[in-house]
């Protein structure tokens, strides 16, 4: 677009003012470990989060079972989850549910050990 604006300004100005239409609302959620200790959860432990209607993808900062500290900033976040929905109420509900999953012990390590048996 920058090259077009510089090389062909009239063609650039003839483009529609909106380059794309946002069809759904995205939400990037940084995960938070509230306890002093924890571990990156297994896929089984993450199943409830992955089952949220607006869940799309997660990225964890470390491999499954890796010890994680209490989250105090972006650098100590266990990872993040992407939620996307065309319904803002669904997005808000899933965000709150994800936070509840975390509070219920997502990073406590017990689920990680249990899933390795």
PDB file of N, CA and C in Angstrom:
ATOM      1  N   UNK A   1       0.820  -1.179   0.000  1.00  0.00           N
ATOM      2  CA  UNK A   1       0.000   0.000   0.000  1.00  0.00           C
ATOM      3  C   UNK A   1       0.874   1.257   0.000  1.00  0.00           C
ATOM      4  N   UNK A   2       1.978   1.202   0.730  1.00  0.00           N
ATOM      5  CA  UNK A   2       2.875   2.355   0.785  1.00  0.00           C
ATOM      6  C   UNK A   2       3.472   2.642  -0.591  1.00  0.00           C
ATOM      7  N   UNK A   3       3.891   1.581  -1.280  1.00  0.00           N
ATOM      8  CA  UNK A   3       4.476   1.750  -2.611  1.00  0.00           C
ATOM      9  C   UNK A   3       3.425   2.316  -3.572  1.00  0.00           C
ATOM     10  N   UNK A   4       2.199   1.784  -3.486  1.00  0.00           N
ATOM     11  CA  UNK A   4       1.129   2.275  -4.348  1.00  0.00           C
ATOM     12  C   UNK A   4       0.849   3.752  -4.070  1.00  0.00           C
ATOM     13  N   UNK A   5       0.815   4.127  -2.805  1.00  0.00           N
ATOM     14  CA  UNK A   5       0.568   5.526  -2.452  1.00  0.00           C
ATOM     15  C   UNK A   5       1.655   6.442  -2.997  1.00  0.00           C
ATOM     16  N   UNK A   6       2.891   5.982  -3.001  1.00  0.00           N
ATOM     17  CA  UNK A   6       4.002   6.807  -3.487  1.00  0.00           C
ATOM     18  C   UNK A   6       4.079   6.802  -5.013  1.00  0.00           C
ATOM     19  N   UNK A   7       3.884   5.635  -5.627  1.00  0.00           N
ATOM     20  CA  UNK A   7       4.062   5.509  -7.071  1.00  0.00           C
ATOM     21  C   UNK A   7       2.824   5.918  -7.861  1.00  0.00           C
ATOM     22  N   UNK A   8       1.650   5.597  -7.338  1.00  0.00           N
ATOM     23  CA  UNK A   8       0.394   5.869  -8.049  1.00  0.00           C
ATOM     24  C   UNK A   8      -0.615   6.492  -7.076  1.00  0.00           C
ATOM     25  N   UNK A   9      -0.393   7.721  -6.640  1.00  0.00           N
ATOM     26  CA  UNK A   9      -1.262   8.325  -5.622  1.00  0.00           C
ATOM     27  C   UNK A   9      -2.742   8.368  -6.011  1.00  0.00           C
ATOM     28  N   UNK A  10      -3.062   8.607  -7.278  1.00  0.00           N
ATOM     29  CA  UNK A  10      -4.470   8.661  -7.686  1.00  0.00           C
ATOM     30  C   UNK A  10      -5.125   7.278  -7.566  1.00  0.00           C
ATOM     31  N   UNK A  11      -4.383   6.240  -7.953  1.00  0.00           N
ATOM     32  CA  UNK A  11      -4.918   4.880  -7.815  1.00  0.00           C
ATOM     33  C   UNK A  11      -5.104   4.540  -6.336  1.00  0.00           C
ATOM     34  N   UNK A  12      -4.138   4.941  -5.519  1.00  0.00           N
ATOM     35  CA  UNK A  12      -4.238   4.704  -4.081  1.00  0.00           C
ATOM     36  C   UNK A  12      -5.470   5.401  -3.502  1.00  0.00           C
ATOM     37  N   UNK A  13      -5.697   6.646  -3.894  1.00  0.00           N
ATOM     38  CA  UNK A  13      -6.840   7.411  -3.382  1.00  0.00           C
ATOM     39  C   UNK A  13      -8.179   6.867  -3.858  1.00  0.00           C
ATOM     40  N   UNK A  14      -8.172   6.078  -4.931  1.00  0.00           N
ATOM     41  CA  UNK A  14      -9.418   5.507  -5.424  1.00  0.00           C
ATOM     42  C   UNK A  14      -9.809   4.215  -4.692  1.00  0.00           C
ATOM     43  N   UNK A  15      -8.933   3.707  -3.844  1.00  0.00           N
ATOM     44  CA  UNK A  15      -9.237   2.489  -3.084  1.00  0.00           C
ATOM     45  C   UNK A  15     -10.308   2.785  -2.035  1.00  0.00           C
ATOM     46  N   UNK A  16     -11.097   1.771  -1.678  1.00  0.00           N
ATOM     47  CA  UNK A  16     -12.081   1.980  -0.608  1.00  0.00           C
ATOM     48  C   UNK A  16     -11.373   2.352   0.705  1.00  0.00           C
ATOM     49  N   UNK A  17     -12.017   3.125   1.550  1.00  0.00           N
ATOM     50  CA  UNK A  17     -11.364   3.568   2.793  1.00  0.00           C
ATOM     51  C   UNK A  17     -11.103   2.431   3.790  1.00  0.00           C
ATOM     52  N   UNK A  18     -11.828   1.338   3.658  1.00  0.00           N
ATOM     53  CA  UNK A  18     -11.636   0.196   4.554  1.00  0.00           C
ATOM     54  C   UNK A  18     -11.090  -0.963   3.725  1.00  0.00           C
ATOM     55  N   UNK A  19      -9.913  -1.437   4.084  1.00  0.00           N
ATOM     56  CA  UNK A  19      -9.256  -2.493   3.313  1.00  0.00           C
ATOM     57  C   UNK A  19      -9.860  -3.876   3.576  1.00  0.00           C
ATOM     58  N   UNK A  20     -10.470  -4.068   4.731  1.00  0.00           N
ATOM     59  CA  UNK A  20     -11.083  -5.351   5.048  1.00  0.00           C
ATOM     60  C   UNK A  20     -12.213  -5.117   6.038  1.00  0.00           C
ATOM     61  N   UNK A  21     -13.077  -6.108   6.138  1.00  0.00           N
ATOM     62  CA  UNK A  21     -14.186  -6.038   7.076  1.00  0.00           C
ATOM     63  C   UNK A  21     -13.936  -7.047   8.189  1.00  0.00           C
ATOM     64  N   UNK A  22     -13.962  -6.587   9.413  1.00  0.00           N
ATOM     65  CA  UNK A  22     -13.772  -7.456  10.561  1.00  0.00           C
ATOM     66  C   UNK A  22     -15.068  -8.224  10.807  1.00  0.00           C
ATOM     67  N   UNK A  23     -15.027  -9.541  10.622  1.00  0.00           N
ATOM     68  CA  UNK A  23     -16.224 -10.360  10.747  1.00  0.00           C
ATOM     69  C   UNK A  23     -16.427 -10.914  12.147  1.00  0.00           C
ATOM     70  N   UNK A  24     -15.371 -10.964  12.937  1.00  0.00           N
ATOM     71  CA  UNK A  24     -15.463 -11.483  14.305  1.00  0.00           C
ATOM     72  C   UNK A  24     -14.532 -10.675  15.192  1.00  0.00           C
ATOM     73  N   UNK A  25     -14.809 -10.706  16.474  1.00  0.00           N
ATOM     74  CA  UNK A  25     -14.003  -9.971  17.434  1.00  0.00           C
ATOM     75  C   UNK A  25     -12.939 -10.894  18.027  1.00  0.00           C
ATOM     76  N   UNK A  26     -11.671 -10.541  17.909  1.00  0.00           N
ATOM     77  CA  UNK A  26     -10.611 -11.355  18.513  1.00  0.00           C
ATOM     78  C   UNK A  26     -10.281 -10.865  19.919  1.00  0.00           C
ATOM     79  N   UNK A  27      -9.777 -11.766  20.739  1.00  0.00           N
ATOM     80  CA  UNK A  27      -9.287 -11.378  22.058  1.00  0.00           C
ATOM     81  C   UNK A  27      -8.031 -12.185  22.359  1.00  0.00           C
ATOM     82  N   UNK A  28      -6.948 -11.477  22.618  1.00  0.00           N
ATOM     83  CA  UNK A  28      -5.682 -12.083  23.008  1.00  0.00           C
ATOM     84  C   UNK A  28      -5.671 -12.087  24.535  1.00  0.00           C
ATOM     85  N   UNK A  29      -5.581 -13.269  25.141  1.00  0.00           N
ATOM     86  CA  UNK A  29      -5.638 -13.386  26.598  1.00  0.00           C
ATOM     87  C   UNK A  29      -4.299 -13.892  27.113  1.00  0.00           C
ATOM     88  N   UNK A  30      -3.579 -13.042  27.830  1.00  0.00           N
ATOM     89  CA  UNK A  30      -2.346 -13.480  28.490  1.00  0.00           C
ATOM     90  C   UNK A  30      -2.735 -14.306  29.697  1.00  0.00           C
ATOM     91  N   UNK A  31      -2.184 -15.501  29.802  1.00  0.00           N
ATOM     92  CA  UNK A  31      -2.513 -16.387  30.907  1.00  0.00           C
ATOM     93  C   UNK A  31      -1.828 -15.916  32.187  1.00  0.00           C
ATOM     94  N   UNK A  32      -2.462 -16.221  33.324  1.00  0.00           N
ATOM     95  CA  UNK A  32      -1.973 -15.749  34.616  1.00  0.00           C
ATOM     96  C   UNK A  32      -1.930 -16.903  35.612  1.00  0.00           C
ATOM     97  N   UNK A  33      -0.749 -17.188  36.139  1.00  0.00           N
ATOM     98  CA  UNK A  33      -0.592 -18.156  37.225  1.00  0.00           C
ATOM     99  C   UNK A  33      -0.635 -17.368  38.526  1.00  0.00           C
ATOM    100  N   UNK A  34      -1.677 -17.571  39.329  1.00  0.00           N
ATOM    101  CA  UNK A  34      -1.861 -16.806  40.556  1.00  0.00           C
ATOM    102  C   UNK A  34      -1.108 -17.382  41.755  1.00  0.00           C
ATOM    103  N   UNK A  35      -0.680 -18.639  41.676  1.00  0.00           N
ATOM    104  CA  UNK A  35       0.013 -19.247  42.807  1.00  0.00           C
ATOM    105  C   UNK A  35       1.521 -18.995  42.715  1.00  0.00           C
ATOM    106  N   UNK A  36       2.198 -19.209  43.816  1.00  0.00           N
ATOM    107  CA  UNK A  36       3.655 -18.979  43.862  1.00  0.00           C
ATOM    108  C   UNK A  36       4.419 -19.967  42.993  1.00  0.00           C
ATOM    109  N   UNK A  37       3.878 -21.163  42.833  1.00  0.00           N
ATOM    110  CA  UNK A  37       4.503 -22.196  42.011  1.00  0.00           C
ATOM    111  C   UNK A  37       3.464 -22.736  41.050  1.00  0.00           C
ATOM    112  N   UNK A  38       3.928 -23.416  40.057  1.00  0.00           N
ATOM    113  CA  UNK A  38       3.008 -24.022  39.118  1.00  0.00           C
ATOM    114  C   UNK A  38       3.760 -24.764  38.045  1.00  0.00           C
ATOM    115  N   UNK A  39       3.007 -25.325  37.106  1.00  0.00           N
ATOM    116  CA  UNK A  39       3.603 -26.051  35.991  1.00  0.00           C
ATOM    117  C   UNK A  39       2.753 -25.809  34.755  1.00  0.00           C
ATOM    118  N   UNK A  40       3.395 -25.819  33.602  1.00  0.00           N
ATOM    119  CA  UNK A  40       2.665 -25.674  32.337  1.00  0.00           C
ATOM    120  C   UNK A  40       1.711 -26.863  32.225  1.00  0.00           C
ATOM    121  N   UNK A  41       0.431 -26.602  31.984  1.00  0.00           N
ATOM    122  CA  UNK A  41      -0.548 -27.685  31.949  1.00  0.00           C
ATOM    123  C   UNK A  41      -0.432 -28.567  30.716  1.00  0.00           C
ATOM    124  N   UNK A  42      -0.883 -29.791  30.883  1.00  0.00           N
ATOM    125  CA  UNK A  42      -0.923 -30.751  29.777  1.00  0.00           C
ATOM    126  C   UNK A  42      -2.104 -30.442  28.864  1.00  0.00           C
ATOM    127  N   UNK A  43      -2.151 -31.129  27.745  1.00  0.00           N
ATOM    128  CA  UNK A  43      -3.285 -30.983  26.836  1.00  0.00           C
ATOM    129  C   UNK A  43      -4.579 -31.392  27.534  1.00  0.00           C
ATOM    130  N   UNK A  44      -4.508 -32.432  28.353  1.00  0.00           N
ATOM    131  CA  UNK A  44      -5.695 -32.883  29.080  1.00  0.00           C
ATOM    132  C   UNK A  44      -6.170 -31.806  30.059  1.00  0.00           C
ATOM    133  N   UNK A  45      -5.222 -31.148  30.723  1.00  0.00           N
ATOM    134  CA  UNK A  45      -5.584 -30.093  31.669  1.00  0.00           C
ATOM    135  C   UNK A  45      -6.146 -28.880  30.936  1.00  0.00           C
ATOM    136  N   UNK A  46      -5.690 -28.646  29.716  1.00  0.00           N
ATOM    137  CA  UNK A  46      -6.160 -27.511  28.919  1.00  0.00           C
ATOM    138  C   UNK A  46      -7.474 -27.802  28.193  1.00  0.00           C
ATOM    139  N   UNK A  47      -7.980 -29.027  28.303  1.00  0.00           N
ATOM    140  CA  UNK A  47      -9.166 -29.430  27.542  1.00  0.00           C
ATOM    141  C   UNK A  47     -10.363 -28.518  27.785  1.00  0.00           C
ATOM    142  N   UNK A  48     -10.581 -28.102  29.027  1.00  0.00           N
ATOM    143  CA  UNK A  48     -11.722 -27.233  29.318  1.00  0.00           C
ATOM    144  C   UNK A  48     -11.577 -25.887  28.624  1.00  0.00           C
ATOM    145  N   UNK A  49     -10.364 -25.357  28.592  1.00  0.00           N
ATOM    146  CA  UNK A  49     -10.124 -24.089  27.899  1.00  0.00           C
ATOM    147  C   UNK A  49     -10.320 -24.262  26.396  1.00  0.00           C
ATOM    148  N   UNK A  50      -9.830 -25.352  25.867  1.00  0.00           N
ATOM    149  CA  UNK A  50      -9.938 -25.614  24.423  1.00  0.00           C
ATOM    150  C   UNK A  50     -11.384 -25.859  23.998  1.00  0.00           C
ATOM    151  N   UNK A  51     -12.244 -26.231  24.939  1.00  0.00           N
ATOM    152  CA  UNK A  51     -13.646 -26.499  24.631  1.00  0.00           C
ATOM    153  C   UNK A  51     -14.502 -25.227  24.630  1.00  0.00           C
ATOM    154  N   UNK A  52     -13.941 -24.097  25.027  1.00  0.00           N
ATOM    155  CA  UNK A  52     -14.706 -22.850  25.009  1.00  0.00           C
ATOM    156  C   UNK A  52     -15.147 -22.546  23.579  1.00  0.00           C
ATOM    157  N   UNK A  53     -16.377 -22.101  23.380  1.00  0.00           N
ATOM    158  CA  UNK A  53     -16.869 -21.858  22.015  1.00  0.00           C
ATOM    159  C   UNK A  53     -16.023 -20.899  21.183  1.00  0.00           C
ATOM    160  N   UNK A  54     -15.385 -19.919  21.818  1.00  0.00           N
ATOM    161  CA  UNK A  54     -14.596 -18.951  21.050  1.00  0.00           C
ATOM    162  C   UNK A  54     -13.102 -19.286  21.002  1.00  0.00           C
ATOM    163  N   UNK A  55     -12.710 -20.397  21.627  1.00  0.00           N
ATOM    164  CA  UNK A  55     -11.291 -20.789  21.632  1.00  0.00           C
ATOM    165  C   UNK A  55     -10.795 -21.031  20.206  1.00  0.00           C
ATOM    166  N   UNK A  56      -9.585 -20.522  19.899  1.00  0.00           N
ATOM    167  CA  UNK A  56      -8.981 -20.749  18.597  1.00  0.00           C
ATOM    168  C   UNK A  56      -7.614 -21.424  18.722  1.00  0.00           C
ATOM    169  N   UNK A  57      -6.779 -20.901  19.640  1.00  0.00           N
ATOM    170  CA  UNK A  57      -5.402 -21.396  19.703  1.00  0.00           C
ATOM    171  C   UNK A  57      -4.763 -20.944  21.010  1.00  0.00           C
ATOM    172  N   UNK A  58      -3.803 -21.738  21.489  1.00  0.00           N
ATOM    173  CA  UNK A  58      -3.001 -21.293  22.628  1.00  0.00           C
ATOM    174  C   UNK A  58      -1.529 -21.469  22.308  1.00  0.00           C
ATOM    175  N   UNK A  59      -0.719 -20.665  22.955  1.00  0.00           N
ATOM    176  CA  UNK A  59       0.736 -20.767  22.850  1.00  0.00           C
ATOM    177  C   UNK A  59       1.263 -20.731  24.272  1.00  0.00           C
ATOM    178  N   UNK A  60       1.978 -21.782  24.645  1.00  0.00           N
ATOM    179  CA  UNK A  60       2.550 -21.829  25.984  1.00  0.00           C
ATOM    180  C   UNK A  60       4.023 -21.420  25.908  1.00  0.00           C
ATOM    181  N   UNK A  61       4.499 -20.793  26.969  1.00  0.00           N
ATOM    182  CA  UNK A  61       5.869 -20.277  26.996  1.00  0.00           C
ATOM    183  C   UNK A  61       6.905 -21.389  27.163  1.00  0.00           C
ATOM    184  N   UNK A  62       6.500 -22.500  27.746  1.00  0.00           N
ATOM    185  CA  UNK A  62       7.412 -23.620  28.017  1.00  0.00           C
ATOM    186  C   UNK A  62       6.711 -24.928  27.700  1.00  0.00           C
ATOM    187  N   UNK A  63       7.437 -26.038  27.663  1.00  0.00           N
ATOM    188  CA  UNK A  63       6.801 -27.337  27.414  1.00  0.00           C
ATOM    189  C   UNK A  63       5.964 -27.799  28.600  1.00  0.00           C
ATOM    190  N   UNK A  64       5.083 -28.750  28.354  1.00  0.00           N
ATOM    191  CA  UNK A  64       4.217 -29.319  29.384  1.00  0.00           C
ATOM    192  C   UNK A  64       5.036 -29.788  30.578  1.00  0.00           C
ATOM    193  N   UNK A  65       4.556 -29.440  31.763  1.00  0.00           N
ATOM    194  CA  UNK A  65       5.198 -29.858  33.000  1.00  0.00           C
ATOM    195  C   UNK A  65       6.311 -28.949  33.482  1.00  0.00           C
ATOM    196  N   UNK A  66       6.759 -28.022  32.662  1.00  0.00           N
ATOM    197  CA  UNK A  66       7.839 -27.107  33.047  1.00  0.00           C
ATOM    198  C   UNK A  66       7.372 -26.227  34.201  1.00  0.00           C
ATOM    199  N   UNK A  67       8.188 -26.074  35.242  1.00  0.00           N
ATOM    200  CA  UNK A  67       7.807 -25.202  36.359  1.00  0.00           C
ATOM    201  C   UNK A  67       7.638 -23.754  35.897  1.00  0.00           C
ATOM    202  N   UNK A  68       6.626 -23.094  36.452  1.00  0.00           N
ATOM    203  CA  UNK A  68       6.401 -21.679  36.137  1.00  0.00           C
ATOM    204  C   UNK A  68       6.217 -20.899  37.441  1.00  0.00           C
ATOM    205  N   UNK A  69       6.682 -19.664  37.475  1.00  0.00           N
ATOM    206  CA  UNK A  69       6.523 -18.838  38.674  1.00  0.00           C
ATOM    207  C   UNK A  69       5.151 -18.169  38.693  1.00  0.00           C
ATOM    208  N   UNK A  70       4.857 -17.487  39.780  1.00  0.00           N
ATOM    209  CA  UNK A  70       3.662 -16.647  39.860  1.00  0.00           C
ATOM    210  C   UNK A  70       3.789 -15.562  38.793  1.00  0.00           C
ATOM    211  N   UNK A  71       2.706 -15.271  38.093  1.00  0.00           N
ATOM    212  CA  UNK A  71       2.729 -14.264  37.038  1.00  0.00           C
ATOM    213  C   UNK A  71       2.689 -12.873  37.648  1.00  0.00           C
ATOM    214  N   UNK A  72       3.733 -12.084  37.321  1.00  0.00           N
ATOM    215  CA  UNK A  72       3.770 -10.695  37.794  1.00  0.00           C
ATOM    216  C   UNK A  72       3.914  -9.707  36.643  1.00  0.00           C
ATOM    217  N   UNK A  73       4.192 -10.222  35.431  1.00  0.00           N
ATOM    218  CA  UNK A  73       4.349  -9.373  34.255  1.00  0.00           C
ATOM    219  C   UNK A  73       4.258 -10.250  33.012  1.00  0.00           C
ATOM    220  N   UNK A  74       4.434  -9.666  31.854  1.00  0.00           N
ATOM    221  CA  UNK A  74       4.338 -10.421  30.601  1.00  0.00           C
ATOM    222  C   UNK A  74       5.388 -11.534  30.542  1.00  0.00           C
ATOM    223  N   UNK A  75       6.576 -11.254  31.051  1.00  0.00           N
ATOM    224  CA  UNK A  75       7.667 -12.237  30.979  1.00  0.00           C
ATOM    225  C   UNK A  75       7.383 -13.487  31.809  1.00  0.00           C
ATOM    226  N   UNK A  76       6.552 -13.381  32.840  1.00  0.00           N
ATOM    227  CA  UNK A  76       6.262 -14.540  33.691  1.00  0.00           C
ATOM    228  C   UNK A  76       4.900 -15.166  33.380  1.00  0.00           C
ATOM    229  N   UNK A  77       4.259 -14.746  32.306  1.00  0.00           N
ATOM    230  CA  UNK A  77       2.993 -15.353  31.888  1.00  0.00           C
ATOM    231  C   UNK A  77       3.263 -16.749  31.341  1.00  0.00           C
ATOM    232  N   UNK A  78       2.422 -17.733  31.692  1.00  0.00           N
ATOM    233  CA  UNK A  78       2.619 -19.085  31.159  1.00  0.00           C
ATOM    234  C   UNK A  78       2.406 -19.183  29.651  1.00  0.00           C
ATOM    235  N   UNK A  79       1.741 -18.209  29.065  1.00  0.00           N
ATOM    236  CA  UNK A  79       1.453 -18.230  27.633  1.00  0.00           C
ATOM    237  C   UNK A  79       0.255 -17.355  27.341  1.00  0.00           C
ATOM    238  N   UNK A  80      -0.411 -17.649  26.222  1.00  0.00           N
ATOM    239  CA  UNK A  80      -1.608 -16.883  25.895  1.00  0.00           C
ATOM    240  C   UNK A  80      -2.578 -17.734  25.088  1.00  0.00           C
ATOM    241  N   UNK A  81      -3.821 -17.268  25.074  1.00  0.00           N
ATOM    242  CA  UNK A  81      -4.902 -17.944  24.361  1.00  0.00           C
ATOM    243  C   UNK A  81      -5.565 -16.920  23.445  1.00  0.00           C
ATOM    244  N   UNK A  82      -5.920 -17.363  22.248  1.00  0.00           N
ATOM    245  CA  UNK A  82      -6.697 -16.527  21.337  1.00  0.00           C
ATOM    246  C   UNK A  82      -8.156 -16.976  21.376  1.00  0.00           C
ATOM    247  N   UNK A  83      -9.032 -16.020  21.603  1.00  0.00           N
ATOM    248  CA  UNK A  83     -10.470 -16.249  21.532  1.00  0.00           C
ATOM    249  C   UNK A  83     -11.008 -15.399  20.381  1.00  0.00           C
ATOM    250  N   UNK A  84     -11.925 -15.952  19.589  1.00  0.00           N
ATOM    251  CA  UNK A  84     -12.542 -15.202  18.499  1.00  0.00           C
ATOM    252  C   UNK A  84     -14.019 -15.579  18.419  1.00  0.00           C
ATOM    253  N   UNK A  85     -14.872 -14.557  18.331  1.00  0.00           N
ATOM    254  CA  UNK A  85     -16.304 -14.794  18.191  1.00  0.00           C
ATOM    255  C   UNK A  85     -16.957 -13.587  17.540  1.00  0.00           C
ATOM    256  N   UNK A  86     -18.052 -13.821  16.844  1.00  0.00           N
ATOM    257  CA  UNK A  86     -18.813 -12.703  16.312  1.00  0.00           C
ATOM    258  C   UNK A  86     -19.813 -12.194  17.343  1.00  0.00           C
ATOM    259  N   UNK A  87     -19.895 -12.867  18.483  1.00  0.00           N
ATOM    260  CA  UNK A  87     -20.795 -12.484  19.569  1.00  0.00           C
ATOM    261  C   UNK A  87     -19.978 -11.935  20.739  1.00  0.00           C
ATOM    262  N   UNK A  88     -20.029 -10.626  20.986  1.00  0.00           N
ATOM    263  CA  UNK A  88     -19.241 -10.040  22.083  1.00  0.00           C
ATOM    264  C   UNK A  88     -19.581 -10.625  23.454  1.00  0.00           C
ATOM    265  N   UNK A  89     -20.838 -11.019  23.648  1.00  0.00           N
ATOM    266  CA  UNK A  89     -21.228 -11.625  24.926  1.00  0.00           C
ATOM    267  C   UNK A  89     -20.571 -12.988  25.110  1.00  0.00           C
ATOM    268  N   UNK A  90     -20.479 -13.758  24.021  1.00  0.00           N
ATOM    269  CA  UNK A  90     -19.802 -15.058  24.082  1.00  0.00           C
ATOM    270  C   UNK A  90     -18.334 -14.885  24.400  1.00  0.00           C
ATOM    271  N   UNK A  91     -17.725 -13.904  23.770  1.00  0.00           N
ATOM    272  CA  UNK A  91     -16.310 -13.613  23.996  1.00  0.00           C
ATOM    273  C   UNK A  91     -16.071 -13.251  25.469  1.00  0.00           C
ATOM    274  N   UNK A  92     -16.911 -12.413  26.019  1.00  0.00           N
ATOM    275  CA  UNK A  92     -16.786 -12.010  27.432  1.00  0.00           C
ATOM    276  C   UNK A  92     -17.008 -13.201  28.359  1.00  0.00           C
ATOM    277  N   UNK A  93     -18.003 -14.015  28.060  1.00  0.00           N
ATOM    278  CA  UNK A  93     -18.287 -15.190  28.894  1.00  0.00           C
ATOM    279  C   UNK A  93     -17.132 -16.185  28.856  1.00  0.00           C
ATOM    280  N   UNK A  94     -16.580 -16.406  27.670  1.00  0.00           N
ATOM    281  CA  UNK A  94     -15.461 -17.344  27.545  1.00  0.00           C
ATOM    282  C   UNK A  94     -14.217 -16.817  28.248  1.00  0.00           C
ATOM    283  N   UNK A  95     -13.999 -15.517  28.189  1.00  0.00           N
ATOM    284  CA  UNK A  95     -12.875 -14.910  28.907  1.00  0.00           C
ATOM    285  C   UNK A  95     -13.034 -15.168  30.420  1.00  0.00           C
ATOM    286  N   UNK A  96     -14.211 -14.899  30.946  1.00  0.00           N
ATOM    287  CA  UNK A  96     -14.455 -15.121  32.378  1.00  0.00           C
ATOM    288  C   UNK A  96     -14.309 -16.603  32.732  1.00  0.00           C
ATOM    289  N   UNK A  97     -14.807 -17.473  31.874  1.00  0.00           N
ATOM    290  CA  UNK A  97     -14.683 -18.915  32.120  1.00  0.00           C
ATOM    291  C   UNK A  97     -13.213 -19.341  32.110  1.00  0.00           C
ATOM    292  N   UNK A  98     -12.432 -18.802  31.182  1.00  0.00           N
ATOM    293  CA  UNK A  98     -10.999 -19.111  31.129  1.00  0.00           C
ATOM    294  C   UNK A  98     -10.312 -18.689  32.422  1.00  0.00           C
ATOM    295  N   UNK A  99     -10.638 -17.514  32.929  1.00  0.00           N
ATOM    296  CA  UNK A  99     -10.053 -17.053  34.197  1.00  0.00           C
ATOM    297  C   UNK A  99     -10.468 -17.966  35.348  1.00  0.00           C
ATOM    298  N   UNK A 100     -11.708 -18.472  35.316  1.00  0.00           N
ATOM    299  CA  UNK A 100     -12.154 -19.397  36.357  1.00  0.00           C
ATOM    300  C   UNK A 100     -11.394 -20.718  36.268  1.00  0.00           C
ATOM    301  N   UNK A 101     -11.143 -21.202  35.065  1.00  0.00           N
ATOM    302  CA  UNK A 101     -10.363 -22.426  34.865  1.00  0.00           C
ATOM    303  C   UNK A 101      -8.981 -22.253  35.484  1.00  0.00           C
ATOM    304  N   UNK A 102      -8.384 -21.081  35.285  1.00  0.00           N
ATOM    305  CA  UNK A 102      -7.070 -20.806  35.878  1.00  0.00           C
ATOM    306  C   UNK A 102      -7.164 -20.825  37.408  1.00  0.00           C
ATOM    307  N   UNK A 103      -8.175 -20.173  37.958  1.00  0.00           N
ATOM    308  CA  UNK A 103      -8.326 -20.114  39.416  1.00  0.00           C
ATOM    309  C   UNK A 103      -8.600 -21.487  40.019  1.00  0.00           C
ATOM    310  N   UNK A 104      -9.198 -22.356  39.243  1.00  0.00           N
ATOM    311  CA  UNK A 104      -9.503 -23.710  39.727  1.00  0.00           C
ATOM    312  C   UNK A 104      -8.289 -24.630  39.729  1.00  0.00           C
ATOM    313  N   UNK A 105      -7.097 -24.100  39.422  1.00  0.00           N
ATOM    314  CA  UNK A 105      -5.877 -24.889  39.551  1.00  0.00           C
ATOM    315  C   UNK A 105      -5.273 -25.380  38.255  1.00  0.00           C
ATOM    316  N   UNK A 106      -5.460 -24.655  37.180  1.00  0.00           N
ATOM    317  CA  UNK A 106      -4.916 -25.074  35.895  1.00  0.00           C
ATOM    318  C   UNK A 106      -3.411 -25.317  35.947  1.00  0.00           C
ATOM    319  N   UNK A 107      -2.705 -24.533  36.737  1.00  0.00           N
ATOM    320  CA  UNK A 107      -1.246 -24.618  36.770  1.00  0.00           C
ATOM    321  C   UNK A 107      -0.707 -25.330  38.007  1.00  0.00           C
ATOM    322  N   UNK A 108      -1.571 -26.012  38.735  1.00  0.00           N
ATOM    323  CA  UNK A 108      -1.125 -26.595  40.004  1.00  0.00           C
ATOM    324  C   UNK A 108      -0.222 -27.804  39.854  1.00  0.00           C
ATOM    325  N   UNK A 109      -0.078 -28.317  38.644  1.00  0.00           N
ATOM    326  CA  UNK A 109       0.833 -29.435  38.420  1.00  0.00           C
ATOM    327  C   UNK A 109       0.209 -30.789  38.659  1.00  0.00           C
ATOM    328  N   UNK A 110      -0.848 -30.871  39.450  1.00  0.00           N
ATOM    329  CA  UNK A 110      -1.482 -32.154  39.721  1.00  0.00           C
ATOM    330  C   UNK A 110      -2.039 -32.730  38.432  1.00  0.00           C
ATOM    331  N   UNK A 111      -2.693 -31.888  37.641  1.00  0.00           N
ATOM    332  CA  UNK A 111      -3.266 -32.359  36.384  1.00  0.00           C
ATOM    333  C   UNK A 111      -2.167 -32.817  35.423  1.00  0.00           C
ATOM    334  N   UNK A 112      -1.017 -32.169  35.470  1.00  0.00           N
ATOM    335  CA  UNK A 112       0.093 -32.551  34.611  1.00  0.00           C
ATOM    336  C   UNK A 112       0.589 -33.934  35.007  1.00  0.00           C
ATOM    337  N   UNK A 113       0.808 -34.152  36.309  1.00  0.00           N
ATOM    338  CA  UNK A 113       1.283 -35.458  36.773  1.00  0.00           C
ATOM    339  C   UNK A 113       0.266 -36.545  36.479  1.00  0.00           C
ATOM    340  N   UNK A 114      -1.032 -36.254  36.725  1.00  0.00           N
ATOM    341  CA  UNK A 114      -2.062 -37.244  36.488  1.00  0.00           C
ATOM    342  C   UNK A 114      -2.139 -37.649  35.022  1.00  0.00           C
ATOM    343  N   UNK A 115      -1.913 -36.707  34.112  1.00  0.00           N
ATOM    344  CA  UNK A 115      -2.035 -37.027  32.696  1.00  0.00           C
ATOM    345  C   UNK A 115      -0.844 -37.827  32.180  1.00  0.00           C
ATOM    346  N   UNK A 116       0.226 -37.908  32.957  1.00  0.00           N
ATOM    347  CA  UNK A 116       1.421 -38.640  32.516  1.00  0.00           C
ATOM    348  C   UNK A 116       1.366 -40.100  32.977  1.00  0.00           C
ATOM    349  N   UNK A 117       0.399 -40.464  33.779  1.00  0.00           N
ATOM    350  CA  UNK A 117       0.293 -41.847  34.274  1.00  0.00           C
ATOM    351  C   UNK A 117      -0.241 -42.783  33.233  1.00  0.00           C
TER     352      UNK A 117
END
